[in-house]
Amino acid sequence: MTKETRVSAKGQVVIPKDVRDRLHWDVGTVLEVVDGPAGVMLRAKPKAKKALSFEAAMAKIRKTVNYSGPRISDEQADAAIDRMFREDKSWDAKP
């Protein structure tokens, strides 16, 4: 698709509405200007995701793995992982 636009006296360029609509570039969208050998490319800067609190992240993990049992200590988790590696002999195999 080829469109034309002009650079204003202030160095501004109007991106045609149908292009903005197709790309979902709403008012306030931050664009990155990438200078390359074939010309200039505009791309929307990825929006930063808000960080979850530790409690919210753990709740999301528990929901994902569907675990509703009691909480276990770090020592219990370490012991279970050690036991898993001892019982799984495929870790001993050499490549």
Protein backbone atom coordinates (compact mmCIF):
# COMPACT_ATOMS: atom_id res chain seq x y z
CA MET A 1 0.00 0.00 0.00
CA THR A 2 1.42 3.38 -0.98
CA LYS A 3 0.16 6.67 0.42
CA GLU A 4 1.47 10.20 0.16
CA THR A 5 1.83 12.84 2.84
CA ARG A 6 3.84 16.02 3.26
CA VAL A 7 6.29 17.23 5.85
CA SER A 8 5.04 20.45 7.46
CA ALA A 9 7.16 23.50 8.27
CA LYS A 10 7.42 22.11 11.83
CA GLY A 11 8.68 18.74 10.56
CA GLN A 12 5.35 17.04 11.24
CA VAL A 13 3.85 14.30 9.06
CA VAL A 14 0.19 13.30 8.96
CA ILE A 15 -0.35 9.54 8.83
CA PRO A 16 -3.53 8.81 6.84
CA LYS A 17 -6.53 7.88 8.98
CA ASP A 18 -7.15 4.52 7.31
CA VAL A 19 -3.55 3.51 8.07
CA ARG A 20 -3.83 4.67 11.71
CA ASP A 21 -7.12 2.78 12.07
CA ARG A 22 -5.72 -0.42 10.58
CA LEU A 23 -2.70 -0.29 12.89
CA HIS A 24 -4.76 0.79 15.94
CA TRP A 25 -2.60 3.89 16.39
CA ASP A 26 -4.79 6.02 18.61
CA VAL A 27 -4.05 9.49 19.96
CA GLY A 28 -1.00 9.27 22.22
CA THR A 29 0.51 6.19 20.58
CA VAL A 30 4.30 6.47 20.84
CA LEU A 31 6.04 5.69 17.56
CA GLU A 32 9.64 4.62 17.10
CA VAL A 33 11.39 6.11 14.06
CA VAL A 34 13.80 3.59 12.55
CA ASP A 35 16.24 4.93 9.95
CA GLY A 36 17.31 2.26 7.48
CA PRO A 37 18.99 1.96 4.10
CA ALA A 38 15.64 1.77 2.28
CA GLY A 39 14.11 4.71 4.15
CA VAL A 40 12.38 5.48 7.42
CA MET A 41 10.08 3.03 9.18
CA LEU A 42 7.57 3.93 11.88
CA ARG A 43 6.46 1.34 14.40
CA ALA A 44 4.43 1.54 17.56
CA LYS A 45 6.53 1.29 20.69
CA PRO A 46 5.37 -1.68 22.77
CA LYS A 47 3.37 -0.64 25.80
CA ALA A 48 5.02 -1.49 29.10
CA LYS A 49 3.07 -3.96 31.18
CA LYS A 50 2.37 -3.08 34.77
CA ALA A 51 4.24 -5.27 37.21
CA LEU A 52 2.13 -7.52 39.41
CA SER A 53 2.57 -7.55 43.14
CA PHE A 54 4.16 -10.72 44.54
CA GLU A 55 0.79 -11.79 45.98
CA ALA A 56 -1.00 -11.25 42.66
CA ALA A 57 1.72 -13.13 40.75
CA MET A 58 1.52 -16.08 43.15
CA ALA A 59 -2.29 -16.13 42.90
CA LYS A 60 -1.99 -16.21 39.10
CA ILE A 61 0.52 -19.07 39.26
CA ARG A 62 -1.67 -21.06 41.68
CA LYS A 63 -4.67 -20.54 39.41
CA THR A 64 -2.68 -21.63 36.37
CA VAL A 65 -1.45 -24.87 37.93
CA ASN A 66 -4.80 -25.38 39.68
CA TYR A 67 -3.14 -26.17 43.02
CA SER A 68 -5.40 -25.81 46.02
CA GLY A 69 -3.40 -27.77 48.60
CA PRO A 70 -1.50 -26.41 51.57
CA ARG A 71 1.55 -24.22 51.13
CA ILE A 72 4.89 -25.97 51.38
CA SER A 73 8.16 -24.62 52.72
CA ASP A 74 11.27 -23.98 50.65
CA GLU A 75 12.92 -26.94 52.39
CA GLN A 76 10.04 -29.24 51.38
CA ALA A 77 10.24 -28.01 47.78
CA ASP A 78 14.03 -28.53 47.70
CA ALA A 79 13.64 -32.06 49.11
CA ALA A 80 10.99 -32.92 46.49
CA ILE A 81 13.23 -31.66 43.68
CA ASP A 82 16.22 -33.59 45.04
CA ARG A 83 14.09 -36.75 45.26
CA MET A 84 12.86 -36.24 41.69
CA PHE A 85 16.44 -36.02 40.36
CA ARG A 86 17.59 -39.05 42.37
CA GLU A 87 14.70 -41.21 41.11
CA ASP A 88 14.97 -40.10 37.45
CA LYS A 89 18.02 -41.98 36.14
CA SER A 90 17.88 -40.25 32.73
CA TRP A 91 19.87 -37.36 34.30
CA ASP A 92 22.79 -39.74 34.77
CA ALA A 93 22.99 -40.60 31.06
CA LYS A 94 25.96 -39.11 29.21
CA PRO A 95 25.37 -37.54 25.79
